[in-house]
Amino acid sequence: SLRGKSVELLSESVIEQLARDTSKDSIPMMLEMYCTEVELRLQKLKVASSQEDIVEIAEQVHALKSCSGTFGANALFEAAKQLEDKARSGELGANELSGDVSQLEAIAIETKKVYQEFSKSYA
């Protein structure tokens, strides 16, 4: 399961690297932008899923995967990668993907919470 310790919800080392590449001061704002992006993609994913639009599901999880990779949200990155691969394979219908979509949504919500907490305490 992705909730295991093997895959982190938030990689502090990735964020520390971002801080070195940009500035420590910009991190809270960047994390806030990431959380906003996650929220936006989740909303679009819900719509795509309810409309059984596999192409759009793949687009939204691809976007989630990209930004999650950048910000060290490893669990969400992995879940999005798996779902994108499944959606793009063309072998499964939207109904068959709905369990994966639900799991991804749960991980995304948890990830967002962790990032918001981390951002508040980041100094």
N, C-alpha and C. Protein backbone atom coordinates (compact mmCIF):
# COMPACT_ATOMS: atom_id res chain seq x y z
N SER A 1 0.84 -1.21 0.00
CA SER A 1 0.00 0.00 0.00
C SER A 1 0.87 1.25 0.00
N LEU A 2 0.36 2.31 -0.59
CA LEU A 2 1.13 3.55 -0.70
C LEU A 2 1.22 4.30 0.63
N ARG A 3 0.42 3.86 1.60
CA ARG A 3 0.46 4.52 2.90
C ARG A 3 1.63 4.04 3.74
N GLY A 4 2.30 2.99 3.25
CA GLY A 4 3.46 2.47 3.97
C GLY A 4 4.57 3.50 4.01
N LYS A 5 5.55 3.25 4.87
CA LYS A 5 6.65 4.21 5.02
C LYS A 5 7.57 4.22 3.80
N SER A 6 7.43 3.21 2.94
CA SER A 6 8.33 3.10 1.79
C SER A 6 8.20 4.31 0.85
N VAL A 7 7.00 4.83 0.73
CA VAL A 7 6.79 6.00 -0.14
C VAL A 7 6.28 7.16 0.71
N GLU A 8 7.07 8.22 0.76
CA GLU A 8 6.72 9.37 1.60
C GLU A 8 5.63 10.23 0.96
N LEU A 9 4.78 10.80 1.79
CA LEU A 9 3.83 11.78 1.32
C LEU A 9 4.57 13.07 0.95
N LEU A 10 5.60 13.37 1.73
CA LEU A 10 6.36 14.61 1.52
C LEU A 10 7.84 14.32 1.74
N SER A 11 8.65 14.60 0.73
CA SER A 11 10.09 14.41 0.84
C SER A 11 10.75 15.73 1.24
N GLU A 12 11.22 15.78 2.48
CA GLU A 12 11.86 17.01 2.95
C GLU A 12 13.15 17.30 2.18
N SER A 13 13.82 16.23 1.73
CA SER A 13 15.08 16.45 1.01
C SER A 13 14.83 17.16 -0.33
N VAL A 14 13.71 16.83 -0.98
CA VAL A 14 13.37 17.50 -2.24
C VAL A 14 13.09 18.98 -1.98
N ILE A 15 12.37 19.25 -0.90
CA ILE A 15 12.04 20.64 -0.56
C ILE A 15 13.30 21.42 -0.16
N GLU A 16 14.19 20.76 0.57
CA GLU A 16 15.46 21.41 0.92
C GLU A 16 16.27 21.76 -0.33
N GLN A 17 16.24 20.86 -1.30
CA GLN A 17 16.93 21.13 -2.58
C GLN A 17 16.28 22.31 -3.30
N LEU A 18 14.96 22.36 -3.30
CA LEU A 18 14.24 23.50 -3.89
C LEU A 18 14.63 24.80 -3.20
N ALA A 19 14.77 24.74 -1.89
CA ALA A 19 15.15 25.94 -1.11
C ALA A 19 16.54 26.41 -1.52
N ARG A 20 17.44 25.44 -1.76
CA ARG A 20 18.79 25.80 -2.20
C ARG A 20 18.76 26.38 -3.62
N ASP A 21 17.91 25.81 -4.47
CA ASP A 21 17.83 26.27 -5.87
C ASP A 21 17.15 27.63 -5.99
N THR A 22 16.22 27.91 -5.12
CA THR A 22 15.49 29.19 -5.18
C THR A 22 15.88 30.00 -3.96
N SER A 23 15.00 30.05 -2.97
CA SER A 23 15.35 30.64 -1.69
C SER A 23 14.42 30.07 -0.64
N LYS A 24 14.93 30.05 0.59
CA LYS A 24 14.15 29.50 1.70
C LYS A 24 12.84 30.28 1.85
N ASP A 25 12.92 31.58 1.63
CA ASP A 25 11.74 32.45 1.81
C ASP A 25 10.62 32.13 0.83
N SER A 26 10.99 31.63 -0.34
CA SER A 26 9.96 31.39 -1.36
C SER A 26 9.23 30.06 -1.18
N ILE A 27 9.75 29.21 -0.29
CA ILE A 27 9.18 27.86 -0.13
C ILE A 27 7.71 27.85 0.30
N PRO A 28 7.33 28.58 1.37
CA PRO A 28 5.91 28.54 1.75
C PRO A 28 4.97 28.93 0.62
N MET A 29 5.34 29.95 -0.14
CA MET A 29 4.50 30.39 -1.26
C MET A 29 4.43 29.30 -2.34
N MET A 30 5.57 28.66 -2.61
CA MET A 30 5.61 27.61 -3.61
C MET A 30 4.76 26.41 -3.19
N LEU A 31 4.84 26.07 -1.90
CA LEU A 31 4.05 24.95 -1.40
C LEU A 31 2.56 25.27 -1.44
N GLU A 32 2.24 26.52 -1.18
CA GLU A 32 0.83 26.95 -1.25
C GLU A 32 0.33 26.84 -2.70
N MET A 33 1.18 27.23 -3.65
CA MET A 33 0.82 27.11 -5.07
C MET A 33 0.62 25.65 -5.45
N TYR A 34 1.48 24.79 -4.91
CA TYR A 34 1.35 23.36 -5.19
C TYR A 34 0.01 22.84 -4.65
N CYS A 35 -0.35 23.23 -3.44
CA CYS A 35 -1.63 22.80 -2.85
C CYS A 35 -2.82 23.27 -3.67
N THR A 36 -2.73 24.49 -4.18
CA THR A 36 -3.79 25.04 -5.03
C THR A 36 -3.89 24.24 -6.32
N GLU A 37 -2.75 23.89 -6.87
CA GLU A 37 -2.70 23.09 -8.10
C GLU A 37 -3.31 21.70 -7.88
N VAL A 38 -2.98 21.08 -6.76
CA VAL A 38 -3.54 19.77 -6.42
C VAL A 38 -5.06 19.86 -6.34
N GLU A 39 -5.55 20.89 -5.67
CA GLU A 39 -6.99 21.10 -5.52
C GLU A 39 -7.67 21.26 -6.89
N LEU A 40 -7.08 22.07 -7.74
CA LEU A 40 -7.62 22.30 -9.08
C LEU A 40 -7.67 21.00 -9.89
N ARG A 41 -6.58 20.26 -9.86
CA ARG A 41 -6.51 19.01 -10.62
C ARG A 41 -7.49 17.98 -10.09
N LEU A 42 -7.68 17.96 -8.77
CA LEU A 42 -8.64 17.04 -8.17
C LEU A 42 -10.06 17.34 -8.63
N GLN A 43 -10.39 18.63 -8.66
CA GLN A 43 -11.73 19.02 -9.13
C GLN A 43 -11.93 18.60 -10.57
N LYS A 44 -10.95 18.86 -11.42
CA LYS A 44 -11.05 18.49 -12.83
C LYS A 44 -11.09 16.97 -13.01
N LEU A 45 -10.35 16.27 -12.16
CA LEU A 45 -10.34 14.81 -12.21
C LEU A 45 -11.71 14.23 -11.85
N LYS A 46 -12.34 14.83 -10.83
CA LYS A 46 -13.69 14.39 -10.42
C LYS A 46 -14.66 14.52 -11.58
N VAL A 47 -14.61 15.66 -12.28
CA VAL A 47 -15.49 15.90 -13.42
C VAL A 47 -15.20 14.89 -14.53
N ALA A 48 -13.93 14.72 -14.85
CA ALA A 48 -13.53 13.78 -15.91
C ALA A 48 -14.00 12.36 -15.58
N SER A 49 -13.86 12.01 -14.32
CA SER A 49 -14.24 10.67 -13.87
C SER A 49 -15.75 10.47 -13.97
N SER A 50 -16.50 11.49 -13.56
CA SER A 50 -17.96 11.39 -13.61
C SER A 50 -18.47 11.36 -15.05
N GLN A 51 -17.70 11.97 -15.95
CA GLN A 51 -18.07 11.95 -17.38
C GLN A 51 -17.44 10.77 -18.11
N GLU A 52 -16.71 9.94 -17.37
CA GLU A 52 -16.04 8.77 -17.92
C GLU A 52 -15.14 9.12 -19.11
N ASP A 53 -14.44 10.25 -18.97
CA ASP A 53 -13.55 10.76 -20.02
C ASP A 53 -12.12 10.33 -19.71
N ILE A 54 -11.72 9.20 -20.30
CA ILE A 54 -10.40 8.62 -20.00
C ILE A 54 -9.25 9.53 -20.42
N VAL A 55 -9.40 10.18 -21.56
CA VAL A 55 -8.35 11.08 -22.05
C VAL A 55 -8.12 12.21 -21.05
N GLU A 56 -9.21 12.77 -20.57
CA GLU A 56 -9.12 13.87 -19.60
C GLU A 56 -8.60 13.37 -18.24
N ILE A 57 -9.00 12.18 -17.84
CA ILE A 57 -8.47 11.59 -16.61
C ILE A 57 -6.94 11.51 -16.72
N ALA A 58 -6.46 10.99 -17.85
CA ALA A 58 -5.02 10.86 -18.07
C ALA A 58 -4.33 12.22 -18.04
N GLU A 59 -4.96 13.23 -18.65
CA GLU A 59 -4.38 14.59 -18.66
C GLU A 59 -4.22 15.14 -17.24
N GLN A 60 -5.27 14.99 -16.45
CA GLN A 60 -5.26 15.54 -15.10
C GLN A 60 -4.27 14.82 -14.19
N VAL A 61 -4.20 13.49 -14.30
CA VAL A 61 -3.25 12.77 -13.45
C VAL A 61 -1.81 13.02 -13.92
N HIS A 62 -1.65 13.27 -15.21
CA HIS A 62 -0.31 13.62 -15.71
C HIS A 62 0.14 14.94 -15.08
N ALA A 63 -0.74 15.92 -15.04
CA ALA A 63 -0.42 17.21 -14.43
C ALA A 63 -0.12 17.05 -12.94
N LEU A 64 -0.91 16.23 -12.27
CA LEU A 64 -0.67 15.95 -10.85
C LEU A 64 0.68 15.28 -10.65
N LYS A 65 1.00 14.35 -11.53
CA LYS A 65 2.26 13.62 -11.45
C LYS A 65 3.44 14.59 -11.58
N SER A 66 3.37 15.46 -12.58
CA SER A 66 4.46 16.41 -12.84
C SER A 66 4.74 17.32 -11.66
N CYS A 67 3.70 17.97 -11.15
CA CYS A 67 3.95 18.92 -10.06
C CYS A 67 4.30 18.18 -8.77
N SER A 68 3.76 16.98 -8.58
CA SER A 68 4.08 16.21 -7.38
C SER A 68 5.53 15.76 -7.39
N GLY A 69 6.04 15.42 -8.57
CA GLY A 69 7.44 15.07 -8.70
C GLY A 69 8.34 16.24 -8.33
N THR A 70 7.98 17.41 -8.81
CA THR A 70 8.77 18.62 -8.55
C THR A 70 8.84 18.94 -7.06
N PHE A 71 7.74 18.71 -6.35
CA PHE A 71 7.66 19.12 -4.95
C PHE A 71 7.87 17.98 -3.95
N GLY A 72 8.27 16.81 -4.45
CA GLY A 72 8.61 15.72 -3.54
C GLY A 72 7.43 15.02 -2.90
N ALA A 73 6.28 15.12 -3.53
CA ALA A 73 5.09 14.39 -3.04
C ALA A 73 5.13 12.99 -3.65
N ASN A 74 5.97 12.14 -3.07
CA ASN A 74 6.29 10.87 -3.70
C ASN A 74 5.12 9.90 -3.81
N ALA A 75 4.31 9.81 -2.76
CA ALA A 75 3.18 8.88 -2.79
C ALA A 75 2.19 9.28 -3.87
N LEU A 76 1.91 10.58 -3.95
CA LEU A 76 0.98 11.07 -4.97
C LEU A 76 1.57 10.92 -6.37
N PHE A 77 2.87 11.17 -6.49
CA PHE A 77 3.56 10.98 -7.76
C PHE A 77 3.40 9.53 -8.24
N GLU A 78 3.67 8.58 -7.37
CA GLU A 78 3.59 7.16 -7.73
C GLU A 78 2.17 6.75 -8.11
N ALA A 79 1.20 7.19 -7.31
CA ALA A 79 -0.20 6.86 -7.57
C ALA A 79 -0.65 7.45 -8.91
N ALA A 80 -0.23 8.69 -9.17
CA ALA A 80 -0.60 9.36 -10.41
C ALA A 80 0.06 8.68 -11.61
N LYS A 81 1.30 8.28 -11.44
CA LYS A 81 2.04 7.60 -12.51
C LYS A 81 1.34 6.28 -12.89
N GLN A 82 0.99 5.51 -11.87
CA GLN A 82 0.31 4.23 -12.11
C GLN A 82 -1.03 4.43 -12.81
N LEU A 83 -1.79 5.42 -12.34
CA LEU A 83 -3.10 5.68 -12.93
C LEU A 83 -2.97 6.21 -14.36
N GLU A 84 -1.99 7.07 -14.58
CA GLU A 84 -1.78 7.59 -15.93
C GLU A 84 -1.44 6.45 -16.90
N ASP A 85 -0.54 5.56 -16.48
CA ASP A 85 -0.17 4.42 -17.32
C ASP A 85 -1.38 3.57 -17.66
N LYS A 86 -2.22 3.30 -16.65
CA LYS A 86 -3.43 2.50 -16.87
C LYS A 86 -4.39 3.21 -17.84
N ALA A 87 -4.59 4.52 -17.61
CA ALA A 87 -5.52 5.28 -18.44
C ALA A 87 -5.03 5.35 -19.89
N ARG A 88 -3.73 5.53 -20.06
CA ARG A 88 -3.17 5.67 -21.40
C ARG A 88 -3.05 4.34 -22.14
N SER A 89 -3.07 3.22 -21.42
CA SER A 89 -2.95 1.91 -22.06
C SER A 89 -4.15 1.62 -22.95
N GLY A 90 -5.28 2.28 -22.64
CA GLY A 90 -6.49 2.09 -23.44
C GLY A 90 -7.18 0.76 -23.23
N GLU A 91 -6.71 0.00 -22.24
CA GLU A 91 -7.28 -1.33 -22.01
C GLU A 91 -8.43 -1.32 -21.03
N LEU A 92 -8.54 -0.24 -20.26
CA LEU A 92 -9.53 -0.19 -19.21
C LEU A 92 -10.55 0.91 -19.45
N GLY A 93 -11.79 0.64 -19.07
CA GLY A 93 -12.84 1.67 -19.14
C GLY A 93 -12.79 2.53 -17.89
N ALA A 94 -13.50 3.65 -17.92
CA ALA A 94 -13.51 4.58 -16.79
C ALA A 94 -14.05 3.90 -15.53
N ASN A 95 -15.02 2.99 -15.69
CA ASN A 95 -15.55 2.27 -14.53
C ASN A 95 -14.47 1.47 -13.83
N GLU A 96 -13.62 0.83 -14.63
CA GLU A 96 -12.56 0.00 -14.08
C GLU A 96 -11.48 0.84 -13.40
N LEU A 97 -11.40 2.10 -13.79
CA LEU A 97 -10.41 3.00 -13.20
C LEU A 97 -10.92 3.72 -11.96
N SER A 98 -12.22 3.62 -11.70
CA SER A 98 -12.81 4.46 -10.64
C SER A 98 -12.22 4.16 -9.26
N GLY A 99 -11.85 2.91 -9.01
CA GLY A 99 -11.21 2.57 -7.74
C GLY A 99 -9.87 3.26 -7.60
N ASP A 100 -9.11 3.26 -8.69
CA ASP A 100 -7.80 3.93 -8.70
C ASP A 100 -7.96 5.44 -8.54
N VAL A 101 -8.98 5.99 -9.18
CA VAL A 101 -9.24 7.43 -9.07
C VAL A 101 -9.56 7.77 -7.61
N SER A 102 -10.40 6.95 -6.96
CA SER A 102 -10.74 7.19 -5.56
C SER A 102 -9.52 7.12 -4.65
N GLN A 103 -8.67 6.13 -4.92
CA GLN A 103 -7.45 5.97 -4.12
C GLN A 103 -6.53 7.18 -4.31
N LEU A 104 -6.41 7.61 -5.55
CA LEU A 104 -5.58 8.79 -5.86
C LEU A 104 -6.13 10.03 -5.15
N GLU A 105 -7.43 10.20 -5.17
CA GLU A 105 -8.06 11.36 -4.51
C GLU A 105 -7.75 11.34 -3.02
N ALA A 106 -7.84 10.16 -2.41
CA ALA A 106 -7.56 10.04 -0.97
C ALA A 106 -6.11 10.42 -0.66
N ILE A 107 -5.18 9.95 -1.49
CA ILE A 107 -3.76 10.27 -1.30
C ILE A 107 -3.52 11.76 -1.52
N ALA A 108 -4.20 12.33 -2.51
CA ALA A 108 -4.03 13.76 -2.82
C ALA A 108 -4.52 14.63 -1.67
N ILE A 109 -5.64 14.26 -1.08
CA ILE A 109 -6.20 15.04 0.03
C ILE A 109 -5.26 14.98 1.23
N GLU A 110 -4.75 13.78 1.50
CA GLU A 110 -3.80 13.60 2.60
C GLU A 110 -2.51 14.37 2.34
N THR A 111 -2.04 14.31 1.10
CA THR A 111 -0.82 15.02 0.71
C THR A 111 -0.97 16.52 0.91
N LYS A 112 -2.10 17.04 0.46
CA LYS A 112 -2.35 18.48 0.58
C LYS A 112 -2.32 18.91 2.05
N LYS A 113 -2.93 18.11 2.90
CA LYS A 113 -2.96 18.39 4.33
C LYS A 113 -1.54 18.44 4.90
N VAL A 114 -0.73 17.45 4.55
CA VAL A 114 0.65 17.37 5.02
C VAL A 114 1.47 18.57 4.54
N TYR A 115 1.25 18.98 3.29
CA TYR A 115 2.00 20.12 2.74
C TYR A 115 1.56 21.43 3.40
N GLN A 116 0.28 21.56 3.67
CA GLN A 116 -0.19 22.79 4.33
C GLN A 116 0.39 22.90 5.73
N GLU A 117 0.40 21.78 6.45
CA GLU A 117 1.00 21.76 7.80
C GLU A 117 2.49 22.08 7.74
N PHE A 118 3.17 21.43 6.81
CA PHE A 118 4.61 21.63 6.67
C PHE A 118 4.92 23.09 6.32
N SER A 119 4.12 23.64 5.44
CA SER A 119 4.33 25.02 4.99
C SER A 119 4.19 26.01 6.17
N LYS A 120 3.21 25.75 7.03
CA LYS A 120 3.01 26.62 8.20
C LYS A 120 4.20 26.58 9.13
N SER A 121 4.77 25.39 9.32
CA SER A 121 5.86 25.23 10.27
C SER A 121 7.22 25.52 9.66
N TYR A 122 7.24 25.75 8.35
CA TYR A 122 8.52 25.93 7.65
C TYR A 122 9.12 27.28 7.94
N ALA A 123 10.32 27.27 8.46
CA ALA A 123 10.97 28.56 8.76
C ALA A 123 12.48 28.42 8.58
